[in-house]
Amino acid sequence: MPHAVRHEPVIAVLLPCYNEELTIGEVVRRFRETLPSAAIYVYDNNSKDLTALKARAGGAIVVREPRQGKGNVVRRMFADIDADIYVMADGDGTYAPEDAPLLINILQTERSDMVVGTRRGVTDDAGRNGHAFGNRVFNRLYKGLFGTDFTDIFSGYRVFSRRFVKSFPAVSGGFEIETEMSVHASQLKLPVSEMALDYGRRPEGSSSKLSTFRDGARILWMFAMLVKETQPLRFFGTFALFFLAASIGLMIPVLVEFAETGLVPRMPTWVLSIGMLLLSMLAMMTGFILDSVSRGRAEQKRIFYLSISSGRAERVASGQAQPKSEPGKAPRAA
């Protein structure tokens, strides 16, 4: 009986870049050595140096994305590229390409849709104490708002299944795209995994594109918008409680005075307290209505996610299931 042909997964390496001429050539070369059959894509985001030339010389497929911002680049990459497994990293050399097979191995053996390479030594990144502090604050805030699925929501080293990539809306425009990815996985309760990896330093002459305060403010705004979209009852309920507390605080003295004298001399305060009470009721009703809408949207996203074939059933049916790997042992690159 002839054996069925084994179909290895198609792997695509995605490298969003902006002014990374000092590092991108070496990053592409190391990914080609580590994953020799993978297609390497470099999306140049309006670089003003030789990033595109160095990437093309290293053997990468270079595409230009004119809309500035990492989120815009990721949205374009996810829309353009068809593969079974997607490896996304940065072009600055802080993530080791040699770790990619380990992340792919976890994706396959644990049947995850996203594997995040959490960063060891992130606080050593060129002494950016502001970034390290922001990482700690936002990771704790994420756990309080969205759950404990992730310990490093800002890591740019991730491996995705086709299902994740083609069901991810990618509405962010900048560095907050990683936060949106994490919330998308948490909202749909997708299987995710993490693996701690060493985080390197940039070479001399290469600088980070992050701004501690500007990008921190954008990420904080993104948190608020994602809570509004995915947890509207919590979002509007917070405003409802605030208005209710203000209404009661203004109302009690007026009621006490009315009980003692039978008069309401502070009519403007009474009117304001009633207005606050109405705002509280309006905010709560808005939260209840939008919560139903949000649940419906989440169900639609889940149904669309399930409509995308994972490719695993076909391999199992053909007797081509991936063998279980020993812990820490990477699979053979496709």
C-alpha atoms as a PDB file:
ATOM      1  CA  MET A   1       0.000   0.000   0.000  1.00  0.00           C
ATOM      2  CA  PRO A   2       1.604   3.300  -1.052  1.00  0.00           C
ATOM      3  CA  HIS A   3       2.320   5.787   1.677  1.00  0.00           C
ATOM      4  CA  ALA A   4       0.546   9.133   1.641  1.00  0.00           C
ATOM      5  CA  VAL A   5       2.666  12.122   0.737  1.00  0.00           C
ATOM      6  CA  ARG A   6       3.664  14.076   3.829  1.00  0.00           C
ATOM      7  CA  HIS A   7       2.740  17.741   3.616  1.00  0.00           C
ATOM      8  CA  GLU A   8       5.023  19.905   5.684  1.00  0.00           C
ATOM      9  CA  PRO A   9       3.512  23.168   6.945  1.00  0.00           C
ATOM     10  CA  VAL A  10       4.271  26.303   4.956  1.00  0.00           C
ATOM     11  CA  ILE A  11       6.136  28.766   7.183  1.00  0.00           C
ATOM     12  CA  ALA A  12       6.345  32.509   6.638  1.00  0.00           C
ATOM     13  CA  VAL A  13       8.652  34.792   8.625  1.00  0.00           C
ATOM     14  CA  LEU A  14       7.294  38.332   8.958  1.00  0.00           C
ATOM     15  CA  LEU A  15       9.638  41.214   9.801  1.00  0.00           C
ATOM     16  CA  PRO A  16       8.129  44.713  10.067  1.00  0.00           C
ATOM     17  CA  CYS A  17      10.942  47.270   9.761  1.00  0.00           C
ATOM     18  CA  TYR A  18      11.594  50.985  10.048  1.00  0.00           C
ATOM     19  CA  ASN A  19      15.173  52.244   9.702  1.00  0.00           C
ATOM     20  CA  GLU A  20      16.912  48.967  10.595  1.00  0.00           C
ATOM     21  CA  GLU A  21      19.756  48.904   8.052  1.00  0.00           C
ATOM     22  CA  LEU A  22      22.313  48.030  10.740  1.00  0.00           C
ATOM     23  CA  THR A  23      20.612  44.787  11.735  1.00  0.00           C
ATOM     24  CA  ILE A  24      18.103  43.574   9.124  1.00  0.00           C
ATOM     25  CA  GLY A  25      20.645  41.855   6.859  1.00  0.00           C
ATOM     26  CA  GLU A  26      21.974  39.726   9.721  1.00  0.00           C
ATOM     27  CA  VAL A  27      18.456  38.965  10.994  1.00  0.00           C
ATOM     28  CA  VAL A  28      17.350  37.757   7.551  1.00  0.00           C
ATOM     29  CA  ARG A  29      20.491  35.636   7.155  1.00  0.00           C
ATOM     30  CA  ARG A  30      19.996  33.920  10.518  1.00  0.00           C
ATOM     31  CA  PHE A  31      16.329  33.210   9.822  1.00  0.00           C
ATOM     32  CA  ARG A  32      17.264  31.663   6.466  1.00  0.00           C
ATOM     33  CA  GLU A  33      19.801  29.411   8.179  1.00  0.00           C
ATOM     34  CA  THR A  34      17.382  28.452  10.962  1.00  0.00           C
ATOM     35  CA  LEU A  35      14.307  27.940   8.746  1.00  0.00           C
ATOM     36  CA  PRO A  36      15.781  27.198   5.305  1.00  0.00           C
ATOM     37  CA  SER A  37      12.457  26.490   3.576  1.00  0.00           C
ATOM     38  CA  ALA A  38      10.550  29.415   5.071  1.00  0.00           C
ATOM     39  CA  ALA A  39       9.741  32.518   3.063  1.00  0.00           C
ATOM     40  CA  ILE A  40      11.203  35.643   4.686  1.00  0.00           C
ATOM     41  CA  TYR A  41       9.108  38.801   4.258  1.00  0.00           C
ATOM     42  CA  VAL A  42      10.382  42.250   5.208  1.00  0.00           C
ATOM     43  CA  TYR A  43       7.776  45.016   5.154  1.00  0.00           C
ATOM     44  CA  ASP A  44       9.546  48.350   4.943  1.00  0.00           C
ATOM     45  CA  ASN A  45       7.575  51.093   6.689  1.00  0.00           C
ATOM     46  CA  ASN A  46       8.938  54.229   4.956  1.00  0.00           C
ATOM     47  CA  SER A  47      12.518  53.704   6.071  1.00  0.00           C
ATOM     48  CA  LYS A  48      14.880  56.578   5.293  1.00  0.00           C
ATOM     49  CA  ASP A  49      17.974  54.381   5.206  1.00  0.00           C
ATOM     50  CA  LEU A  50      19.058  51.244   3.331  1.00  0.00           C
ATOM     51  CA  THR A  51      16.771  48.820   5.188  1.00  0.00           C
ATOM     52  CA  ALA A  52      14.991  47.600   2.038  1.00  0.00           C
ATOM     53  CA  LEU A  53      18.248  47.173   0.103  1.00  0.00           C
ATOM     54  CA  LYS A  54      19.953  45.238   2.891  1.00  0.00           C
ATOM     55  CA  ALA A  55      16.904  42.993   3.367  1.00  0.00           C
ATOM     56  CA  ARG A  56      16.644  42.240  -0.347  1.00  0.00           C
ATOM     57  CA  ALA A  57      20.363  41.511  -0.551  1.00  0.00           C
ATOM     58  CA  GLY A  58      19.953  39.034   2.303  1.00  0.00           C
ATOM     59  CA  GLY A  59      17.318  37.096   0.338  1.00  0.00           C
ATOM     60  CA  ALA A  60      14.103  38.479   1.823  1.00  0.00           C
ATOM     61  CA  ILE A  61      10.968  39.396  -0.085  1.00  0.00           C
ATOM     62  CA  VAL A  62      10.612  43.146   0.488  1.00  0.00           C
ATOM     63  CA  VAL A  63       7.287  44.975   0.396  1.00  0.00           C
ATOM     64  CA  ARG A  64       6.736  48.657   1.130  1.00  0.00           C
ATOM     65  CA  GLU A  65       3.891  49.747   3.415  1.00  0.00           C
ATOM     66  CA  PRO A  66       3.322  53.539   3.175  1.00  0.00           C
ATOM     67  CA  ARG A  67       0.976  53.857   6.181  1.00  0.00           C
ATOM     68  CA  GLN A  68       3.223  54.637   9.124  1.00  0.00           C
ATOM     69  CA  GLY A  69       2.954  52.469  12.242  1.00  0.00           C
ATOM     70  CA  LYS A  70       3.587  48.851  13.179  1.00  0.00           C
ATOM     71  CA  GLY A  71      -0.123  48.080  13.393  1.00  0.00           C
ATOM     72  CA  ASN A  72      -0.611  49.161   9.780  1.00  0.00           C
ATOM     73  CA  VAL A  73       2.303  46.961   8.722  1.00  0.00           C
ATOM     74  CA  VAL A  74       0.997  43.904  10.590  1.00  0.00           C
ATOM     75  CA  ARG A  75      -2.487  44.361   9.123  1.00  0.00           C
ATOM     76  CA  ARG A  76      -0.985  44.446   5.616  1.00  0.00           C
ATOM     77  CA  MET A  77       1.221  41.396   6.239  1.00  0.00           C
ATOM     78  CA  PHE A  78      -1.630  39.318   7.632  1.00  0.00           C
ATOM     79  CA  ALA A  79      -3.814  40.216   4.648  1.00  0.00           C
ATOM     80  CA  ASP A  80      -1.159  39.605   1.990  1.00  0.00           C
ATOM     81  CA  ILE A  81       0.548  36.401   3.049  1.00  0.00           C
ATOM     82  CA  ASP A  82      -0.855  32.868   3.007  1.00  0.00           C
ATOM     83  CA  ALA A  83       0.897  30.247   5.122  1.00  0.00           C
ATOM     84  CA  ASP A  84       0.227  27.546   7.703  1.00  0.00           C
ATOM     85  CA  ILE A  85       2.538  28.997  10.350  1.00  0.00           C
ATOM     86  CA  TYR A  86       3.532  32.641  10.751  1.00  0.00           C
ATOM     87  CA  VAL A  87       6.644  33.712  12.657  1.00  0.00           C
ATOM     88  CA  MET A  88       6.690  37.419  13.521  1.00  0.00           C
ATOM     89  CA  ALA A  89       9.771  39.139  14.932  1.00  0.00           C
ATOM     90  CA  ASP A  90      11.436  42.544  14.866  1.00  0.00           C
ATOM     91  CA  GLY A  91      14.210  43.504  12.513  1.00  0.00           C
ATOM     92  CA  ASP A  92      16.383  45.075  15.216  1.00  0.00           C
ATOM     93  CA  GLY A  93      18.175  41.883  16.243  1.00  0.00           C
ATOM     94  CA  THR A  94      16.833  41.786  19.815  1.00  0.00           C
ATOM     95  CA  TYR A  95      15.044  38.481  19.153  1.00  0.00           C
ATOM     96  CA  ALA A  96      17.143  35.420  18.280  1.00  0.00           C
ATOM     97  CA  PRO A  97      16.054  33.709  15.026  1.00  0.00           C
ATOM     98  CA  GLU A  98      17.500  30.459  16.433  1.00  0.00           C
ATOM     99  CA  ASP A  99      14.578  30.364  18.908  1.00  0.00           C
ATOM    100  CA  ALA A 100      11.963  30.200  16.137  1.00  0.00           C
ATOM    101  CA  PRO A 101      11.935  26.370  15.822  1.00  0.00           C
ATOM    102  CA  LEU A 102      11.258  26.092  19.563  1.00  0.00           C
ATOM    103  CA  LEU A 103       8.257  28.408  19.277  1.00  0.00           C
ATOM    104  CA  ILE A 104       7.002  26.491  16.230  1.00  0.00           C
ATOM    105  CA  ASN A 105       7.417  23.234  18.128  1.00  0.00           C
ATOM    106  CA  ILE A 106       5.207  24.544  20.956  1.00  0.00           C
ATOM    107  CA  LEU A 107       2.606  25.774  18.459  1.00  0.00           C
ATOM    108  CA  GLN A 108       2.386  22.309  16.900  1.00  0.00           C
ATOM    109  CA  THR A 109       2.680  20.047  19.935  1.00  0.00           C
ATOM    110  CA  GLU A 110       0.380  22.102  22.170  1.00  0.00           C
ATOM    111  CA  ARG A 111      -2.012  22.870  19.288  1.00  0.00           C
ATOM    112  CA  SER A 112      -1.920  26.556  20.121  1.00  0.00           C
ATOM    113  CA  ASP A 113      -3.021  29.415  17.909  1.00  0.00           C
ATOM    114  CA  MET A 114      -0.428  31.838  19.241  1.00  0.00           C
ATOM    115  CA  VAL A 115       2.870  31.314  21.044  1.00  0.00           C
ATOM    116  CA  VAL A 116       4.498  34.357  22.647  1.00  0.00           C
ATOM    117  CA  GLY A 117       8.228  34.499  23.272  1.00  0.00           C
ATOM    118  CA  THR A 118       8.288  36.320  26.606  1.00  0.00           C
ATOM    119  CA  ARG A 119      11.378  38.443  27.155  1.00  0.00           C
ATOM    120  CA  ARG A 120      14.024  37.684  29.740  1.00  0.00           C
ATOM    121  CA  GLY A 121      16.238  40.663  30.482  1.00  0.00           C
ATOM    122  CA  VAL A 122      13.874  43.203  28.938  1.00  0.00           C
ATOM    123  CA  THR A 123      14.962  45.707  31.609  1.00  0.00           C
ATOM    124  CA  ASP A 124      18.492  45.635  30.164  1.00  0.00           C
ATOM    125  CA  ASP A 125      17.393  47.112  26.820  1.00  0.00           C
ATOM    126  CA  ALA A 126      19.770  50.070  26.524  1.00  0.00           C
ATOM    127  CA  GLY A 127      18.938  51.129  30.060  1.00  0.00           C
ATOM    128  CA  ARG A 128      15.384  52.217  29.168  1.00  0.00           C
ATOM    129  CA  ASN A 129      14.021  52.214  32.705  1.00  0.00           C
ATOM    130  CA  GLY A 130      10.880  54.000  31.540  1.00  0.00           C
ATOM    131  CA  HIS A 131      10.096  51.140  29.160  1.00  0.00           C
ATOM    132  CA  ALA A 132      10.711  48.543  31.860  1.00  0.00           C
ATOM    133  CA  PHE A 133       8.420  50.357  34.304  1.00  0.00           C
ATOM    134  CA  GLY A 134       5.737  50.717  31.630  1.00  0.00           C
ATOM    135  CA  ASN A 135       5.973  47.003  30.838  1.00  0.00           C
ATOM    136  CA  ARG A 136       5.326  46.083  34.457  1.00  0.00           C
ATOM    137  CA  VAL A 137       2.430  48.517  34.854  1.00  0.00           C
ATOM    138  CA  PHE A 138       0.651  47.571  31.646  1.00  0.00           C
ATOM    139  CA  ASN A 139       1.102  43.830  32.152  1.00  0.00           C
ATOM    140  CA  ARG A 140      -0.480  44.093  35.599  1.00  0.00           C
ATOM    141  CA  LEU A 141      -3.269  46.266  34.204  1.00  0.00           C
ATOM    142  CA  TYR A 142      -3.886  43.703  31.457  1.00  0.00           C
ATOM    143  CA  LYS A 143      -4.202  40.898  33.993  1.00  0.00           C
ATOM    144  CA  GLY A 144      -6.741  42.914  35.974  1.00  0.00           C
ATOM    145  CA  LEU A 145      -8.843  43.795  32.933  1.00  0.00           C
ATOM    146  CA  PHE A 146      -8.579  40.870  30.522  1.00  0.00           C
ATOM    147  CA  GLY A 147      -7.232  37.836  32.400  1.00  0.00           C
ATOM    148  CA  THR A 148      -3.993  36.030  33.154  1.00  0.00           C
ATOM    149  CA  ASP A 149      -3.346  34.419  29.761  1.00  0.00           C
ATOM    150  CA  PHE A 150      -0.183  36.473  29.160  1.00  0.00           C
ATOM    151  CA  THR A 151       2.764  37.704  31.196  1.00  0.00           C
ATOM    152  CA  ASP A 152       4.367  39.850  28.454  1.00  0.00           C
ATOM    153  CA  ILE A 153       1.778  41.483  26.219  1.00  0.00           C
ATOM    154  CA  PHE A 154       4.335  43.656  24.410  1.00  0.00           C
ATOM    155  CA  SER A 155       6.620  40.941  23.105  1.00  0.00           C
ATOM    156  CA  GLY A 156       7.097  41.222  19.358  1.00  0.00           C
ATOM    157  CA  TYR A 157       8.313  37.635  18.945  1.00  0.00           C
ATOM    158  CA  ARG A 158       5.244  35.537  18.212  1.00  0.00           C
ATOM    159  CA  VAL A 159       4.230  32.490  16.202  1.00  0.00           C
ATOM    160  CA  PHE A 160       0.669  32.208  14.870  1.00  0.00           C
ATOM    161  CA  SER A 161      -1.549  29.622  13.267  1.00  0.00           C
ATOM    162  CA  ARG A 162      -3.355  30.452  10.041  1.00  0.00           C
ATOM    163  CA  ARG A 163      -6.623  30.495  11.985  1.00  0.00           C
ATOM    164  CA  PHE A 164      -5.400  33.288  14.236  1.00  0.00           C
ATOM    165  CA  VAL A 165      -3.957  35.423  11.459  1.00  0.00           C
ATOM    166  CA  LYS A 166      -7.001  35.268   9.202  1.00  0.00           C
ATOM    167  CA  SER A 167      -9.494  35.900  12.021  1.00  0.00           C
ATOM    168  CA  PHE A 168      -7.595  38.803  13.622  1.00  0.00           C
ATOM    169  CA  PRO A 169      -9.160  42.194  12.724  1.00  0.00           C
ATOM    170  CA  ALA A 170      -5.994  44.285  13.353  1.00  0.00           C
ATOM    171  CA  VAL A 171      -7.503  47.730  13.805  1.00  0.00           C
ATOM    172  CA  SER A 172      -4.541  49.275  15.662  1.00  0.00           C
ATOM    173  CA  GLY A 173      -2.147  51.549  13.850  1.00  0.00           C
ATOM    174  CA  GLY A 174       0.981  51.526  16.020  1.00  0.00           C
ATOM    175  CA  PHE A 175       2.876  49.609  18.694  1.00  0.00           C
ATOM    176  CA  GLU A 176      -0.357  48.845  20.537  1.00  0.00           C
ATOM    177  CA  ILE A 177      -0.978  46.054  17.980  1.00  0.00           C
ATOM    178  CA  GLU A 178       0.510  43.443  20.359  1.00  0.00           C
ATOM    179  CA  THR A 179      -2.035  44.435  23.011  1.00  0.00           C
ATOM    180  CA  GLU A 180      -4.841  43.993  20.496  1.00  0.00           C
ATOM    181  CA  MET A 181      -3.525  40.530  19.584  1.00  0.00           C
ATOM    182  CA  SER A 182      -3.538  39.496  23.233  1.00  0.00           C
ATOM    183  CA  VAL A 183      -7.066  40.803  23.843  1.00  0.00           C
ATOM    184  CA  HIS A 184      -8.311  39.058  20.683  1.00  0.00           C
ATOM    185  CA  ALA A 185      -6.965  35.734  21.959  1.00  0.00           C
ATOM    186  CA  SER A 186      -8.355  36.290  25.466  1.00  0.00           C
ATOM    187  CA  GLN A 187     -11.801  37.346  24.229  1.00  0.00           C
ATOM    188  CA  LEU A 188     -12.232  34.303  21.972  1.00  0.00           C
ATOM    189  CA  LYS A 189     -10.534  32.018  24.530  1.00  0.00           C
ATOM    190  CA  LEU A 190      -8.062  30.773  21.930  1.00  0.00           C
ATOM    191  CA  PRO A 191      -5.376  28.269  22.958  1.00  0.00           C
ATOM    192  CA  VAL A 192      -2.174  30.231  23.589  1.00  0.00           C
ATOM    193  CA  SER A 193       1.244  29.412  24.999  1.00  0.00           C
ATOM    194  CA  GLU A 194       4.299  31.265  26.225  1.00  0.00           C
ATOM    195  CA  MET A 195       8.004  30.523  26.274  1.00  0.00           C
ATOM    196  CA  ALA A 196      10.650  32.580  28.074  1.00  0.00           C
ATOM    197  CA  LEU A 197      13.462  33.680  25.737  1.00  0.00           C
ATOM    198  CA  ASP A 198      16.546  35.833  26.130  1.00  0.00           C
ATOM    199  CA  TYR A 199      16.057  39.406  24.984  1.00  0.00           C
ATOM    200  CA  GLY A 200      19.089  40.953  23.317  1.00  0.00           C
ATOM    201  CA  ARG A 201      20.363  44.481  23.134  1.00  0.00           C
ATOM    202  CA  ARG A 202      20.433  46.670  20.072  1.00  0.00           C
ATOM    203  CA  PRO A 203      23.844  47.169  18.469  1.00  0.00           C
ATOM    204  CA  GLU A 204      25.598  50.502  18.892  1.00  0.00           C
ATOM    205  CA  GLY A 205      24.099  53.092  16.556  1.00  0.00           C
ATOM    206  CA  SER A 206      20.646  51.499  16.498  1.00  0.00           C
ATOM    207  CA  SER A 207      17.924  53.235  18.490  1.00  0.00           C
ATOM    208  CA  SER A 208      14.496  52.198  19.702  1.00  0.00           C
ATOM    209  CA  LYS A 209      11.465  53.634  17.898  1.00  0.00           C
ATOM    210  CA  LEU A 210       9.402  53.653  21.104  1.00  0.00           C
ATOM    211  CA  SER A 211       8.581  56.851  22.974  1.00  0.00           C
ATOM    212  CA  THR A 212       7.952  56.181  26.665  1.00  0.00           C
ATOM    213  CA  PHE A 213       5.239  58.798  27.148  1.00  0.00           C
ATOM    214  CA  ARG A 214       3.694  59.094  23.678  1.00  0.00           C
ATOM    215  CA  ASP A 215       3.401  55.358  23.026  1.00  0.00           C
ATOM    216  CA  GLY A 216       2.482  54.743  26.663  1.00  0.00           C
ATOM    217  CA  ALA A 217      -0.447  57.141  26.290  1.00  0.00           C
ATOM    218  CA  ARG A 218      -1.512  55.453  23.045  1.00  0.00           C
ATOM    219  CA  ILE A 219      -1.405  52.033  24.688  1.00  0.00           C
ATOM    220  CA  LEU A 220      -3.407  53.305  27.658  1.00  0.00           C
ATOM    221  CA  TRP A 221      -6.001  54.721  25.257  1.00  0.00           C
ATOM    222  CA  MET A 222      -6.052  51.385  23.440  1.00  0.00           C
ATOM    223  CA  PHE A 223      -6.723  49.623  26.746  1.00  0.00           C
ATOM    224  CA  ALA A 224      -9.712  51.880  27.345  1.00  0.00           C
ATOM    225  CA  MET A 225     -11.084  51.309  23.830  1.00  0.00           C
ATOM    226  CA  LEU A 226     -10.656  47.542  24.070  1.00  0.00           C
ATOM    227  CA  VAL A 227     -12.453  47.467  27.425  1.00  0.00           C
ATOM    228  CA  LYS A 228     -15.268  49.506  25.861  1.00  0.00           C
ATOM    229  CA  GLU A 229     -15.508  47.148  22.891  1.00  0.00           C
ATOM    230  CA  THR A 230     -15.108  43.814  24.693  1.00  0.00           C
ATOM    231  CA  GLN A 231     -16.468  44.607  28.181  1.00  0.00           C
ATOM    232  CA  PRO A 232     -18.970  47.457  27.744  1.00  0.00           C
ATOM    233  CA  LEU A 233     -20.893  46.583  30.924  1.00  0.00           C
ATOM    234  CA  ARG A 234     -17.732  47.076  33.000  1.00  0.00           C
ATOM    235  CA  PHE A 235     -16.797  50.223  31.085  1.00  0.00           C
ATOM    236  CA  PHE A 236     -20.159  51.992  31.289  1.00  0.00           C
ATOM    237  CA  GLY A 237     -20.887  50.465  34.708  1.00  0.00           C
ATOM    238  CA  THR A 238     -17.875  52.351  36.076  1.00  0.00           C
ATOM    239  CA  PHE A 239     -19.354  55.639  34.845  1.00  0.00           C
ATOM    240  CA  ALA A 240     -22.763  54.634  36.202  1.00  0.00           C
ATOM    241  CA  LEU A 241     -21.329  54.068  39.683  1.00  0.00           C
ATOM    242  CA  PHE A 242     -19.464  57.384  39.545  1.00  0.00           C
ATOM    243  CA  PHE A 243     -22.597  59.325  38.605  1.00  0.00           C
ATOM    244  CA  LEU A 244     -24.646  57.422  41.189  1.00  0.00           C
ATOM    245  CA  ALA A 245     -22.156  58.213  43.958  1.00  0.00           C
ATOM    246  CA  ALA A 246     -22.101  61.898  42.931  1.00  0.00           C
ATOM    247  CA  SER A 247     -25.895  61.980  42.846  1.00  0.00           C
ATOM    248  CA  ILE A 248     -26.241  60.471  46.316  1.00  0.00           C
ATOM    249  CA  GLY A 249     -23.547  62.783  47.695  1.00  0.00           C
ATOM    250  CA  LEU A 250     -25.420  65.850  46.425  1.00  0.00           C
ATOM    251  CA  MET A 251     -28.860  64.512  47.286  1.00  0.00           C
ATOM    252  CA  ILE A 252     -28.424  63.510  50.938  1.00  0.00           C
ATOM    253  CA  PRO A 253     -27.853  67.034  52.398  1.00  0.00           C
ATOM    254  CA  VAL A 254     -30.880  68.351  50.517  1.00  0.00           C
ATOM    255  CA  LEU A 255     -33.065  65.487  51.758  1.00  0.00           C
ATOM    256  CA  VAL A 256     -31.854  65.967  55.343  1.00  0.00           C
ATOM    257  CA  GLU A 257     -32.671  69.655  55.176  1.00  0.00           C
ATOM    258  CA  PHE A 258     -36.083  68.909  53.673  1.00  0.00           C
ATOM    259  CA  ALA A 259     -36.821  66.407  56.466  1.00  0.00           C
ATOM    260  CA  GLU A 260     -35.944  69.021  59.092  1.00  0.00           C
ATOM    261  CA  THR A 261     -37.604  72.120  57.629  1.00  0.00           C
ATOM    262  CA  GLY A 262     -39.938  70.897  54.898  1.00  0.00           C
ATOM    263  CA  LEU A 263     -38.167  73.254  52.487  1.00  0.00           C
ATOM    264  CA  VAL A 264     -35.784  72.772  49.540  1.00  0.00           C
ATOM    265  CA  PRO A 265     -33.785  76.021  49.511  1.00  0.00           C
ATOM    266  CA  ARG A 266     -30.941  74.554  47.401  1.00  0.00           C
ATOM    267  CA  MET A 267     -32.960  73.774  44.295  1.00  0.00           C
ATOM    268  CA  PRO A 268     -29.988  73.879  41.846  1.00  0.00           C
ATOM    269  CA  THR A 269     -28.218  71.194  43.937  1.00  0.00           C
ATOM    270  CA  TRP A 270     -31.344  69.042  43.886  1.00  0.00           C
ATOM    271  CA  VAL A 271     -31.705  69.411  40.119  1.00  0.00           C
ATOM    272  CA  LEU A 272     -28.025  68.542  39.634  1.00  0.00           C
ATOM    273  CA  SER A 273     -28.372  65.435  41.814  1.00  0.00           C
ATOM    274  CA  ILE A 274     -31.382  64.273  39.782  1.00  0.00           C
ATOM    275  CA  GLY A 275     -29.426  64.884  36.574  1.00  0.00           C
ATOM    276  CA  MET A 276     -26.546  62.776  37.910  1.00  0.00           C
ATOM    277  CA  LEU A 277     -29.001  60.004  38.797  1.00  0.00           C
ATOM    278  CA  LEU A 278     -30.429  60.051  35.267  1.00  0.00           C
ATOM    279  CA  LEU A 279     -26.908  59.913  33.789  1.00  0.00           C
ATOM    280  CA  SER A 280     -26.162  56.924  36.021  1.00  0.00           C
ATOM    281  CA  MET A 281     -29.261  55.095  34.799  1.00  0.00           C
ATOM    282  CA  LEU A 282     -28.465  55.984  31.168  1.00  0.00           C
ATOM    283  CA  ALA A 283     -24.871  54.721  31.487  1.00  0.00           C
ATOM    284  CA  MET A 284     -26.025  51.459  33.056  1.00  0.00           C
ATOM    285  CA  MET A 285     -28.659  50.834  30.372  1.00  0.00           C
ATOM    286  CA  THR A 286     -26.064  51.610  27.679  1.00  0.00           C
ATOM    287  CA  GLY A 287     -23.732  49.073  29.259  1.00  0.00           C
ATOM    288  CA  PHE A 288     -26.415  46.369  29.308  1.00  0.00           C
ATOM    289  CA  ILE A 289     -27.385  46.952  25.664  1.00  0.00           C
ATOM    290  CA  LEU A 290     -23.812  47.090  24.354  1.00  0.00           C
ATOM    291  CA  ASP A 291     -22.899  44.017  26.411  1.00  0.00           C
ATOM    292  CA  SER A 292     -25.421  42.017  24.381  1.00  0.00           C
ATOM    293  CA  VAL A 293     -24.016  43.493  21.168  1.00  0.00           C
ATOM    294  CA  SER A 294     -20.461  42.636  22.256  1.00  0.00           C
ATOM    295  CA  ARG A 295     -21.436  39.046  23.030  1.00  0.00           C
ATOM    296  CA  GLY A 296     -22.985  38.728  19.572  1.00  0.00           C
ATOM    297  CA  ARG A 297     -19.832  40.103  17.935  1.00  0.00           C
ATOM    298  CA  ALA A 298     -17.664  37.698  19.930  1.00  0.00           C
ATOM    299  CA  GLU A 299     -19.835  34.781  18.798  1.00  0.00           C
ATOM    300  CA  GLN A 300     -19.523  35.885  15.172  1.00  0.00           C
ATOM    301  CA  LYS A 301     -15.735  36.165  15.512  1.00  0.00           C
ATOM    302  CA  ARG A 302     -15.617  32.699  17.047  1.00  0.00           C
ATOM    303  CA  ILE A 303     -17.744  31.204  14.271  1.00  0.00           C
ATOM    304  CA  PHE A 304     -15.527  32.818  11.621  1.00  0.00           C
ATOM    305  CA  TYR A 305     -12.424  31.547  13.419  1.00  0.00           C
ATOM    306  CA  LEU A 306     -13.841  28.001  13.430  1.00  0.00           C
ATOM    307  CA  SER A 307     -14.699  28.248   9.729  1.00  0.00           C
ATOM    308  CA  ILE A 308     -10.987  28.489   8.887  1.00  0.00           C
ATOM    309  CA  SER A 309      -9.403  25.082   8.549  1.00  0.00           C
ATOM    310  CA  SER A 310      -6.566  24.423  10.966  1.00  0.00           C
ATOM    311  CA  GLY A 311      -5.087  21.752   8.693  1.00  0.00           C
ATOM    312  CA  ARG A 312      -4.551  19.421  11.660  1.00  0.00           C
ATOM    313  CA  ALA A 313      -7.502  17.139  10.974  1.00  0.00           C
ATOM    314  CA  GLU A 314      -6.314  16.474   7.429  1.00  0.00           C
ATOM    315  CA  ARG A 315      -2.857  15.439   8.625  1.00  0.00           C
ATOM    316  CA  VAL A 316      -4.295  13.193  11.324  1.00  0.00           C
ATOM    317  CA  ALA A 317      -6.713  11.574   8.883  1.00  0.00           C
ATOM    318  CA  SER A 318      -3.862  10.824   6.500  1.00  0.00           C
ATOM    319  CA  GLY A 319      -1.722   9.357   9.233  1.00  0.00           C
ATOM    320  CA  GLN A 320       0.531  12.413   9.085  1.00  0.00           C
ATOM    321  CA  ALA A 321       0.084  13.757  12.586  1.00  0.00           C
ATOM    322  CA  GLN A 322       3.137  15.460  13.925  1.00  0.00           C
ATOM    323  CA  PRO A 323       5.038  13.203  16.315  1.00  0.00           C
ATOM    324  CA  LYS A 324       5.370  14.395  19.867  1.00  0.00           C
ATOM    325  CA  SER A 325       8.673  16.087  20.377  1.00  0.00           C
ATOM    326  CA  GLU A 326      10.885  15.786  23.369  1.00  0.00           C
ATOM    327  CA  PRO A 327      10.780  18.853  25.635  1.00  0.00           C
ATOM    328  CA  GLY A 328      13.034  21.551  24.255  1.00  0.00           C
ATOM    329  CA  LYS A 329      13.637  19.706  20.984  1.00  0.00           C
ATOM    330  CA  ALA A 330      12.730  21.685  17.873  1.00  0.00           C
ATOM    331  CA  PRO A 331      10.934  20.099  14.910  1.00  0.00           C
ATOM    332  CA  ARG A 332      12.610  19.826  11.559  1.00  0.00           C
ATOM    333  CA  ALA A 333      12.131  23.113   9.718  1.00  0.00           C
ATOM    334  CA  ALA A 334       9.715  23.045   6.833  1.00  0.00           C
END
